[in-house]
């Protein structure tokens, strides 16, 4: 049952990508739209990713249709993207390293609740959990920025070359 659902999602994503590659626009605009879409899928956009993709594509001169279609089509990959964000963030800033003191912010905002948990389960466990949350959040956002840029550049280059190759092949067929 689950495998069937996953297979259907992958088939749907493949169809969306094929639709984008068949768009009648310049390779540059289509590739830019696709890159923008994947860029936004690596960042937590709280459900407005397609709108952000469309807006960014319009501002940057990319294909709005490609941006929205790829954003929605690759949405099924967001859990994988977010996992990669955490991994990249931890690779960059280290397992425990961070420059932002999130635990101090939590202590100020939720002091009473933290005190209650410290009394219930022990101070060291609560501080450990806060440190993990701090590393997770900072690492996630650092990883998200790096991964979104890498993925966008990679996808732009890949789409552009595929579309140029398709255009060249189409021109050769027309000349025969």
N, C-alpha and C. Protein backbone atom coordinates (compact mmCIF):
# COMPACT_ATOMS: atom_id res chain seq x y z
N UNK A 1 0.82 -1.20 0.00
CA UNK A 1 0.00 0.00 0.00
C UNK A 1 0.87 1.27 0.00
N UNK A 2 1.81 1.31 0.95
CA UNK A 2 2.69 2.48 1.04
C UNK A 2 3.59 2.56 -0.19
N UNK A 3 4.10 1.41 -0.61
CA UNK A 3 4.97 1.40 -1.79
C UNK A 3 4.21 1.86 -3.03
N UNK A 4 2.94 1.51 -3.10
CA UNK A 4 2.10 1.93 -4.23
C UNK A 4 1.95 3.45 -4.23
N UNK A 5 1.75 4.02 -3.04
CA UNK A 5 1.60 5.47 -2.92
C UNK A 5 2.89 6.17 -3.32
N UNK A 6 4.02 5.65 -2.85
CA UNK A 6 5.31 6.24 -3.17
C UNK A 6 5.57 6.15 -4.67
N UNK A 7 5.25 5.00 -5.25
CA UNK A 7 5.44 4.81 -6.69
C UNK A 7 4.58 5.80 -7.47
N UNK A 8 3.33 6.00 -7.04
CA UNK A 8 2.44 6.96 -7.70
C UNK A 8 3.00 8.38 -7.61
N UNK A 9 3.54 8.75 -6.45
CA UNK A 9 4.12 10.09 -6.27
C UNK A 9 5.32 10.28 -7.19
N UNK A 10 6.15 9.26 -7.30
CA UNK A 10 7.33 9.36 -8.16
C UNK A 10 6.92 9.46 -9.63
N UNK A 11 5.93 8.68 -10.03
CA UNK A 11 5.43 8.75 -11.41
C UNK A 11 4.85 10.13 -11.69
N UNK A 12 4.10 10.68 -10.73
CA UNK A 12 3.53 12.02 -10.88
C UNK A 12 4.63 13.07 -11.01
N UNK A 13 5.68 12.94 -10.19
CA UNK A 13 6.79 13.89 -10.24
C UNK A 13 7.48 13.81 -11.61
N UNK A 14 7.67 12.60 -12.11
CA UNK A 14 8.31 12.41 -13.42
C UNK A 14 7.47 13.07 -14.52
N UNK A 15 6.16 12.92 -14.45
CA UNK A 15 5.27 13.54 -15.44
C UNK A 15 5.37 15.06 -15.39
N UNK A 16 5.44 15.62 -14.18
CA UNK A 16 5.55 17.07 -14.04
C UNK A 16 6.86 17.57 -14.67
N UNK A 17 7.94 16.85 -14.42
CA UNK A 17 9.23 17.25 -14.99
C UNK A 17 9.19 17.16 -16.51
N UNK A 18 8.59 16.10 -17.03
CA UNK A 18 8.46 15.97 -18.49
C UNK A 18 7.63 17.10 -19.08
N UNK A 19 6.56 17.50 -18.38
CA UNK A 19 5.73 18.62 -18.84
C UNK A 19 6.56 19.90 -18.93
N UNK A 20 7.38 20.12 -17.92
CA UNK A 20 8.20 21.34 -17.89
C UNK A 20 9.21 21.32 -19.04
N UNK A 21 9.81 20.18 -19.29
CA UNK A 21 10.80 20.09 -20.37
C UNK A 21 10.18 20.28 -21.75
N UNK A 22 8.87 20.12 -21.86
CA UNK A 22 8.18 20.31 -23.14
C UNK A 22 7.59 21.71 -23.30
N UNK A 23 7.78 22.57 -22.33
CA UNK A 23 7.24 23.93 -22.42
C UNK A 23 7.84 24.67 -23.61
N UNK A 24 7.02 25.52 -24.20
CA UNK A 24 7.49 26.34 -25.32
C UNK A 24 7.99 27.68 -24.76
N UNK A 25 9.24 27.69 -24.40
CA UNK A 25 9.89 28.89 -23.89
C UNK A 25 11.38 28.71 -24.13
N UNK A 26 12.15 29.70 -23.77
CA UNK A 26 13.59 29.58 -23.96
C UNK A 26 14.18 28.65 -22.91
N UNK A 27 15.25 27.94 -23.25
CA UNK A 27 15.89 27.06 -22.26
C UNK A 27 16.31 27.81 -21.00
N UNK A 28 16.75 29.04 -21.17
CA UNK A 28 17.18 29.83 -20.02
C UNK A 28 16.03 30.08 -19.06
N UNK A 29 14.86 30.46 -19.58
CA UNK A 29 13.70 30.74 -18.72
C UNK A 29 13.19 29.49 -18.02
N UNK A 30 13.14 28.38 -18.75
CA UNK A 30 12.66 27.13 -18.15
C UNK A 30 13.63 26.65 -17.07
N UNK A 31 14.93 26.67 -17.38
CA UNK A 31 15.93 26.23 -16.41
C UNK A 31 15.93 27.12 -15.17
N UNK A 32 15.77 28.41 -15.37
CA UNK A 32 15.72 29.34 -14.24
C UNK A 32 14.48 29.07 -13.38
N UNK A 33 13.35 28.86 -14.01
CA UNK A 33 12.13 28.54 -13.26
C UNK A 33 12.28 27.27 -12.44
N UNK A 34 12.87 26.23 -13.04
CA UNK A 34 13.08 24.97 -12.32
C UNK A 34 14.04 25.15 -11.15
N UNK A 35 15.11 25.92 -11.37
CA UNK A 35 16.09 26.16 -10.31
C UNK A 35 15.47 26.92 -9.15
N UNK A 36 14.66 27.91 -9.45
CA UNK A 36 13.98 28.68 -8.41
C UNK A 36 13.06 27.78 -7.59
N UNK A 37 12.35 26.89 -8.27
CA UNK A 37 11.41 25.99 -7.58
C UNK A 37 12.13 25.09 -6.59
N UNK A 38 13.24 24.50 -7.01
CA UNK A 38 13.97 23.61 -6.11
C UNK A 38 14.62 24.41 -4.99
N UNK A 39 15.08 25.61 -5.29
CA UNK A 39 15.63 26.49 -4.25
C UNK A 39 14.61 26.65 -3.12
N UNK A 40 13.36 26.97 -3.47
CA UNK A 40 12.33 27.19 -2.44
C UNK A 40 11.93 25.90 -1.74
N UNK A 41 12.07 24.75 -2.40
CA UNK A 41 11.71 23.50 -1.73
C UNK A 41 12.72 23.10 -0.65
N UNK A 42 13.93 23.59 -0.72
CA UNK A 42 14.91 23.32 0.33
C UNK A 42 14.69 24.21 1.56
N UNK A 43 13.99 25.30 1.39
CA UNK A 43 13.74 26.23 2.49
C UNK A 43 12.34 26.01 3.06
N UNK A 44 12.19 26.14 4.37
CA UNK A 44 10.84 26.00 4.95
C UNK A 44 9.99 27.20 4.57
N UNK A 45 9.03 26.99 3.70
CA UNK A 45 8.20 28.10 3.21
C UNK A 45 6.76 28.03 3.72
N UNK A 46 6.47 27.08 4.58
CA UNK A 46 5.17 26.97 5.25
C UNK A 46 4.00 26.94 4.28
N UNK A 47 4.16 26.22 3.18
CA UNK A 47 3.05 26.03 2.25
C UNK A 47 2.90 27.07 1.16
N UNK A 48 3.69 28.11 1.21
CA UNK A 48 3.58 29.16 0.18
C UNK A 48 4.71 29.07 -0.85
N UNK A 49 5.40 27.94 -0.90
CA UNK A 49 6.50 27.74 -1.84
C UNK A 49 6.13 27.99 -3.29
N UNK A 50 4.97 27.46 -3.75
CA UNK A 50 4.60 27.73 -5.15
C UNK A 50 4.42 29.22 -5.44
N UNK A 51 3.86 29.95 -4.49
CA UNK A 51 3.67 31.40 -4.68
C UNK A 51 5.02 32.12 -4.68
N UNK A 52 5.90 31.72 -3.76
CA UNK A 52 7.23 32.32 -3.71
C UNK A 52 8.01 31.99 -4.99
N UNK A 53 7.85 30.76 -5.47
CA UNK A 53 8.52 30.37 -6.72
C UNK A 53 8.02 31.19 -7.90
N UNK A 54 6.71 31.36 -7.97
CA UNK A 54 6.12 32.15 -9.06
C UNK A 54 6.59 33.60 -9.00
N UNK A 55 6.59 34.17 -7.80
CA UNK A 55 7.02 35.56 -7.64
C UNK A 55 8.49 35.72 -8.02
N UNK A 56 9.35 34.82 -7.51
CA UNK A 56 10.78 34.90 -7.81
C UNK A 56 11.04 34.69 -9.31
N UNK A 57 10.30 33.77 -9.92
CA UNK A 57 10.47 33.54 -11.37
C UNK A 57 10.08 34.78 -12.15
N UNK A 58 9.02 35.43 -11.74
CA UNK A 58 8.57 36.65 -12.43
C UNK A 58 9.61 37.76 -12.29
N UNK A 59 10.12 37.94 -11.08
CA UNK A 59 11.10 39.00 -10.82
C UNK A 59 12.42 38.72 -11.56
N UNK A 60 12.84 37.46 -11.58
CA UNK A 60 14.14 37.12 -12.17
C UNK A 60 14.07 36.77 -13.65
N UNK A 61 12.87 36.75 -14.22
CA UNK A 61 12.72 36.49 -15.64
C UNK A 61 12.69 35.03 -16.03
N UNK A 62 12.35 34.18 -15.08
CA UNK A 62 12.23 32.75 -15.38
C UNK A 62 10.81 32.39 -15.76
N UNK A 63 10.61 31.15 -16.10
CA UNK A 63 9.29 30.65 -16.46
C UNK A 63 8.47 30.41 -15.19
N UNK A 64 7.37 31.12 -15.07
CA UNK A 64 6.50 30.97 -13.90
C UNK A 64 5.88 29.57 -13.90
N UNK A 65 5.47 29.10 -15.07
CA UNK A 65 4.86 27.77 -15.17
C UNK A 65 5.86 26.70 -14.73
N UNK A 66 7.10 26.81 -15.19
CA UNK A 66 8.12 25.84 -14.80
C UNK A 66 8.37 25.90 -13.30
N UNK A 67 8.43 27.10 -12.74
CA UNK A 67 8.70 27.25 -11.32
C UNK A 67 7.61 26.61 -10.47
N UNK A 68 6.37 26.90 -10.77
CA UNK A 68 5.26 26.37 -9.97
C UNK A 68 5.13 24.86 -10.18
N UNK A 69 5.25 24.41 -11.41
CA UNK A 69 5.11 22.98 -11.70
C UNK A 69 6.19 22.15 -11.01
N UNK A 70 7.43 22.58 -11.11
CA UNK A 70 8.53 21.86 -10.47
C UNK A 70 8.41 21.95 -8.95
N UNK A 71 8.01 23.10 -8.43
CA UNK A 71 7.85 23.24 -6.98
C UNK A 71 6.81 22.25 -6.46
N UNK A 72 5.68 22.16 -7.14
CA UNK A 72 4.64 21.23 -6.71
C UNK A 72 5.04 19.78 -7.00
N UNK A 73 5.69 19.55 -8.13
CA UNK A 73 6.07 18.20 -8.52
C UNK A 73 7.13 17.58 -7.63
N UNK A 74 8.04 18.40 -7.13
CA UNK A 74 9.10 17.87 -6.27
C UNK A 74 8.78 18.03 -4.79
N UNK A 75 7.57 18.45 -4.49
CA UNK A 75 7.17 18.59 -3.09
C UNK A 75 7.26 17.31 -2.29
N UNK A 76 7.10 16.19 -2.97
CA UNK A 76 7.20 14.89 -2.30
C UNK A 76 8.61 14.64 -1.77
N UNK A 77 9.60 15.34 -2.30
CA UNK A 77 10.99 15.17 -1.87
C UNK A 77 11.38 16.06 -0.70
N UNK A 78 10.49 16.89 -0.23
CA UNK A 78 10.82 17.84 0.84
C UNK A 78 11.36 17.15 2.09
N UNK A 79 10.81 16.03 2.56
CA UNK A 79 11.43 15.37 3.73
C UNK A 79 12.89 14.98 3.49
N UNK A 80 13.19 14.55 2.28
CA UNK A 80 14.58 14.22 1.95
C UNK A 80 15.43 15.48 1.93
N UNK A 81 14.90 16.56 1.34
CA UNK A 81 15.63 17.83 1.31
C UNK A 81 15.93 18.31 2.73
N UNK A 82 14.95 18.24 3.62
CA UNK A 82 15.14 18.72 4.99
C UNK A 82 16.16 17.86 5.74
N UNK A 83 16.17 16.57 5.48
CA UNK A 83 17.18 15.71 6.09
C UNK A 83 18.57 16.10 5.59
N UNK A 84 18.68 16.36 4.30
CA UNK A 84 19.96 16.81 3.74
C UNK A 84 20.38 18.15 4.34
N UNK A 85 19.41 19.02 4.63
CA UNK A 85 19.72 20.31 5.26
C UNK A 85 20.37 20.10 6.62
N UNK A 86 19.80 19.21 7.42
CA UNK A 86 20.36 18.94 8.75
C UNK A 86 21.77 18.36 8.61
N UNK A 87 21.94 17.41 7.70
CA UNK A 87 23.25 16.79 7.52
C UNK A 87 24.29 17.82 7.06
N UNK A 88 23.94 18.66 6.10
CA UNK A 88 24.87 19.67 5.60
C UNK A 88 25.19 20.69 6.69
N UNK A 89 24.17 21.11 7.42
CA UNK A 89 24.39 22.07 8.50
C UNK A 89 25.33 21.53 9.56
N UNK A 90 25.14 20.29 9.94
CA UNK A 90 26.03 19.68 10.94
C UNK A 90 27.43 19.48 10.39
N UNK A 91 27.53 19.22 9.10
CA UNK A 91 28.84 19.09 8.47
C UNK A 91 29.58 20.42 8.51
N UNK A 92 28.86 21.51 8.27
CA UNK A 92 29.48 22.84 8.22
C UNK A 92 29.80 23.38 9.60
N UNK A 93 28.82 23.36 10.52
CA UNK A 93 29.04 23.99 11.83
C UNK A 93 29.48 23.00 12.90
N UNK A 94 29.51 21.74 12.58
CA UNK A 94 29.92 20.73 13.55
C UNK A 94 28.71 20.18 14.28
N UNK A 95 28.94 19.10 14.98
CA UNK A 95 27.85 18.40 15.68
C UNK A 95 27.26 19.26 16.80
N UNK A 96 28.12 19.96 17.54
CA UNK A 96 27.64 20.72 18.69
C UNK A 96 27.88 22.22 18.56
N UNK A 97 28.54 22.65 17.51
CA UNK A 97 28.92 24.05 17.40
C UNK A 97 27.82 24.94 16.87
N UNK A 98 27.73 26.12 17.45
CA UNK A 98 26.79 27.13 16.96
C UNK A 98 27.20 28.48 17.51
N UNK A 99 26.87 29.52 16.80
CA UNK A 99 27.17 30.87 17.24
C UNK A 99 25.96 31.56 17.85
N UNK A 100 24.80 30.96 17.72
CA UNK A 100 23.57 31.59 18.20
C UNK A 100 23.13 30.89 19.48
N UNK A 101 22.87 31.65 20.50
CA UNK A 101 22.47 31.08 21.79
C UNK A 101 20.96 30.96 21.88
N UNK A 102 20.45 29.92 21.25
CA UNK A 102 19.01 29.69 21.26
C UNK A 102 18.54 29.30 22.65
N UNK A 103 19.38 28.57 23.39
CA UNK A 103 18.98 28.13 24.73
C UNK A 103 18.73 29.32 25.66
N UNK A 104 19.49 30.41 25.52
CA UNK A 104 19.24 31.61 26.33
C UNK A 104 17.88 32.22 26.00
N UNK A 105 17.56 32.25 24.72
CA UNK A 105 16.26 32.76 24.29
C UNK A 105 15.14 31.91 24.87
N UNK A 106 15.29 30.58 24.80
CA UNK A 106 14.28 29.70 25.38
C UNK A 106 14.16 29.90 26.89
N UNK A 107 15.29 30.08 27.55
CA UNK A 107 15.25 30.30 29.00
C UNK A 107 14.46 31.56 29.35
N UNK A 108 14.63 32.60 28.57
CA UNK A 108 13.88 33.84 28.83
C UNK A 108 12.40 33.68 28.52
N UNK A 109 12.10 33.02 27.40
CA UNK A 109 10.70 32.91 26.97
C UNK A 109 9.92 31.87 27.78
N UNK A 110 10.56 30.76 28.07
CA UNK A 110 9.85 29.64 28.69
C UNK A 110 10.48 29.25 30.02
N UNK A 111 10.94 30.23 30.77
CA UNK A 111 11.65 29.97 32.03
C UNK A 111 10.89 29.08 32.99
N UNK A 112 9.60 29.35 33.20
CA UNK A 112 8.82 28.57 34.16
C UNK A 112 8.66 27.12 33.70
N UNK A 113 8.40 26.93 32.43
CA UNK A 113 8.23 25.57 31.91
C UNK A 113 9.55 24.81 32.00
N UNK A 114 10.65 25.48 31.67
CA UNK A 114 11.96 24.83 31.73
C UNK A 114 12.29 24.44 33.16
N UNK A 115 12.00 25.32 34.11
CA UNK A 115 12.23 25.01 35.52
C UNK A 115 11.42 23.79 35.95
N UNK A 116 10.17 23.72 35.51
CA UNK A 116 9.32 22.57 35.83
C UNK A 116 9.95 21.28 35.31
N UNK A 117 10.40 21.29 34.05
CA UNK A 117 11.01 20.09 33.49
C UNK A 117 12.34 19.76 34.16
N UNK A 118 13.10 20.79 34.52
CA UNK A 118 14.36 20.54 35.22
C UNK A 118 14.11 19.85 36.55
N UNK A 119 13.06 20.27 37.25
CA UNK A 119 12.71 19.64 38.52
C UNK A 119 12.18 18.22 38.31
N UNK A 120 11.50 18.00 37.18
CA UNK A 120 10.89 16.69 36.92
C UNK A 120 11.90 15.66 36.39
N UNK A 121 12.68 16.04 35.39
CA UNK A 121 13.57 15.05 34.76
C UNK A 121 15.05 15.34 34.96
N UNK A 122 15.39 16.44 35.57
CA UNK A 122 16.78 16.76 35.83
C UNK A 122 17.30 17.86 34.93
N UNK A 123 18.14 18.71 35.51
CA UNK A 123 18.63 19.88 34.79
C UNK A 123 19.50 19.51 33.60
N UNK A 124 20.37 18.53 33.76
CA UNK A 124 21.29 18.19 32.68
C UNK A 124 20.56 17.67 31.44
N UNK A 125 19.47 16.92 31.64
CA UNK A 125 18.71 16.41 30.50
C UNK A 125 18.04 17.55 29.74
N UNK A 126 17.47 18.51 30.46
CA UNK A 126 16.81 19.65 29.81
C UNK A 126 17.83 20.48 29.04
N UNK A 127 18.99 20.74 29.64
CA UNK A 127 20.02 21.51 28.95
C UNK A 127 20.52 20.76 27.71
N UNK A 128 20.61 19.43 27.82
CA UNK A 128 21.01 18.61 26.67
C UNK A 128 19.99 18.74 25.54
N UNK A 129 18.70 18.66 25.88
CA UNK A 129 17.64 18.77 24.87
C UNK A 129 17.65 20.15 24.22
N UNK A 130 17.86 21.20 25.02
CA UNK A 130 17.92 22.55 24.46
C UNK A 130 19.13 22.70 23.53
N UNK A 131 20.24 22.11 23.92
CA UNK A 131 21.44 22.18 23.07
C UNK A 131 21.21 21.44 21.75
N UNK A 132 20.50 20.31 21.81
CA UNK A 132 20.19 19.57 20.59
C UNK A 132 19.28 20.39 19.68
N UNK A 133 18.28 21.05 20.27
CA UNK A 133 17.37 21.89 19.50
C UNK A 133 18.13 23.05 18.86
N UNK A 134 19.04 23.63 19.62
CA UNK A 134 19.85 24.74 19.11
C UNK A 134 20.68 24.29 17.92
N UNK A 135 21.36 23.17 18.05
CA UNK A 135 22.17 22.64 16.96
C UNK A 135 21.31 22.29 15.76
N UNK A 136 20.15 21.69 16.02
CA UNK A 136 19.24 21.31 14.94
C UNK A 136 18.78 22.54 14.17
N UNK A 137 18.33 23.56 14.87
CA UNK A 137 17.74 24.71 14.18
C UNK A 137 18.79 25.50 13.41
N UNK A 138 19.92 25.79 14.03
CA UNK A 138 20.96 26.54 13.35
C UNK A 138 21.54 25.70 12.21
N UNK A 139 21.82 24.44 12.49
CA UNK A 139 22.35 23.55 11.47
C UNK A 139 21.40 23.39 10.29
N UNK A 140 20.12 23.30 10.60
CA UNK A 140 19.11 23.15 9.55
C UNK A 140 19.12 24.36 8.62
N UNK A 141 19.12 25.57 9.18
CA UNK A 141 19.06 26.77 8.34
C UNK A 141 20.35 27.01 7.58
N UNK A 142 21.49 26.71 8.19
CA UNK A 142 22.76 26.82 7.46
C UNK A 142 22.77 25.81 6.31
N UNK A 143 22.38 24.58 6.61
CA UNK A 143 22.30 23.55 5.57
C UNK A 143 21.31 23.89 4.49
N UNK A 144 20.18 24.48 4.88
CA UNK A 144 19.14 24.85 3.90
C UNK A 144 19.68 25.89 2.91
N UNK A 145 20.39 26.88 3.41
CA UNK A 145 20.93 27.90 2.51
C UNK A 145 21.96 27.31 1.55
N UNK A 146 22.86 26.50 2.07
CA UNK A 146 23.89 25.90 1.22
C UNK A 146 23.26 24.95 0.21
N UNK A 147 22.41 24.05 0.70
CA UNK A 147 21.79 23.06 -0.19
C UNK A 147 20.90 23.70 -1.25
N UNK A 148 20.16 24.72 -0.87
CA UNK A 148 19.27 25.36 -1.84
C UNK A 148 20.07 26.01 -2.97
N UNK A 149 21.18 26.62 -2.63
CA UNK A 149 22.03 27.23 -3.66
C UNK A 149 22.68 26.17 -4.55
N UNK A 150 23.21 25.12 -3.93
CA UNK A 150 23.85 24.05 -4.71
C UNK A 150 22.83 23.39 -5.63
N UNK A 151 21.66 23.05 -5.09
CA UNK A 151 20.63 22.36 -5.89
C UNK A 151 20.14 23.25 -7.02
N UNK A 152 19.95 24.53 -6.75
CA UNK A 152 19.46 25.45 -7.78
C UNK A 152 20.47 25.58 -8.92
N UNK A 153 21.72 25.76 -8.59
CA UNK A 153 22.76 25.88 -9.63
C UNK A 153 22.87 24.58 -10.42
N UNK A 154 22.89 23.46 -9.72
CA UNK A 154 22.99 22.16 -10.39
C UNK A 154 21.80 21.93 -11.32
N UNK A 155 20.59 22.19 -10.83
CA UNK A 155 19.40 21.95 -11.65
C UNK A 155 19.34 22.92 -12.83
N UNK A 156 19.77 24.16 -12.62
CA UNK A 156 19.80 25.12 -13.73
C UNK A 156 20.70 24.59 -14.85
N UNK A 157 21.91 24.19 -14.49
CA UNK A 157 22.86 23.69 -15.49
C UNK A 157 22.32 22.43 -16.17
N UNK A 158 21.77 21.51 -15.38
CA UNK A 158 21.24 20.26 -15.94
C UNK A 158 20.08 20.53 -16.90
N UNK A 159 19.11 21.30 -16.46
CA UNK A 159 17.95 21.61 -17.32
C UNK A 159 18.37 22.37 -18.57
N UNK A 160 19.24 23.33 -18.40
CA UNK A 160 19.69 24.13 -19.54
C UNK A 160 20.33 23.23 -20.60
N UNK A 161 21.23 22.35 -20.16
CA UNK A 161 21.90 21.47 -21.13
C UNK A 161 20.93 20.48 -21.77
N UNK A 162 20.00 19.94 -21.01
CA UNK A 162 18.99 19.03 -21.58
C UNK A 162 18.16 19.77 -22.62
N UNK A 163 17.74 20.97 -22.29
CA UNK A 163 16.89 21.74 -23.21
C UNK A 163 17.65 22.18 -24.46
N UNK A 164 18.90 22.56 -24.32
CA UNK A 164 19.72 22.92 -25.48
C UNK A 164 19.92 21.70 -26.37
N UNK A 165 20.19 20.56 -25.76
CA UNK A 165 20.38 19.32 -26.53
C UNK A 165 19.09 18.96 -27.27
N UNK A 166 17.95 19.10 -26.59
CA UNK A 166 16.66 18.81 -27.23
C UNK A 166 16.40 19.76 -28.40
N UNK A 167 16.73 21.03 -28.20
CA UNK A 167 16.53 22.03 -29.25
C UNK A 167 17.41 21.74 -30.46
N UNK A 168 18.66 21.38 -30.20
CA UNK A 168 19.59 21.05 -31.28
C UNK A 168 19.11 19.82 -32.05
N UNK A 169 18.67 18.82 -31.32
CA UNK A 169 18.16 17.59 -31.95
C UNK A 169 16.92 17.89 -32.79
N UNK A 170 16.05 18.74 -32.28
CA UNK A 170 14.84 19.13 -33.00
C UNK A 170 15.18 19.87 -34.30
N UNK A 171 16.17 20.77 -34.23
CA UNK A 171 16.60 21.50 -35.43
C UNK A 171 17.21 20.58 -36.47
N UNK A 172 17.97 19.58 -36.03
CA UNK A 172 18.56 18.62 -36.96
C UNK A 172 17.48 17.82 -37.67
N UNK A 173 16.46 17.42 -36.92
CA UNK A 173 15.36 16.65 -37.52
C UNK A 173 14.58 17.49 -38.52
N UNK A 174 14.42 18.78 -38.24
CA UNK A 174 13.69 19.67 -39.15
C UNK A 174 14.47 19.92 -40.44
N UNK A 175 15.79 19.88 -40.36
CA UNK A 175 16.63 20.15 -41.53
C UNK A 175 16.72 18.96 -42.48
N UNK A 176 16.32 17.79 -42.06
CA UNK A 176 16.38 16.61 -42.94
C UNK A 176 15.20 16.51 -43.80
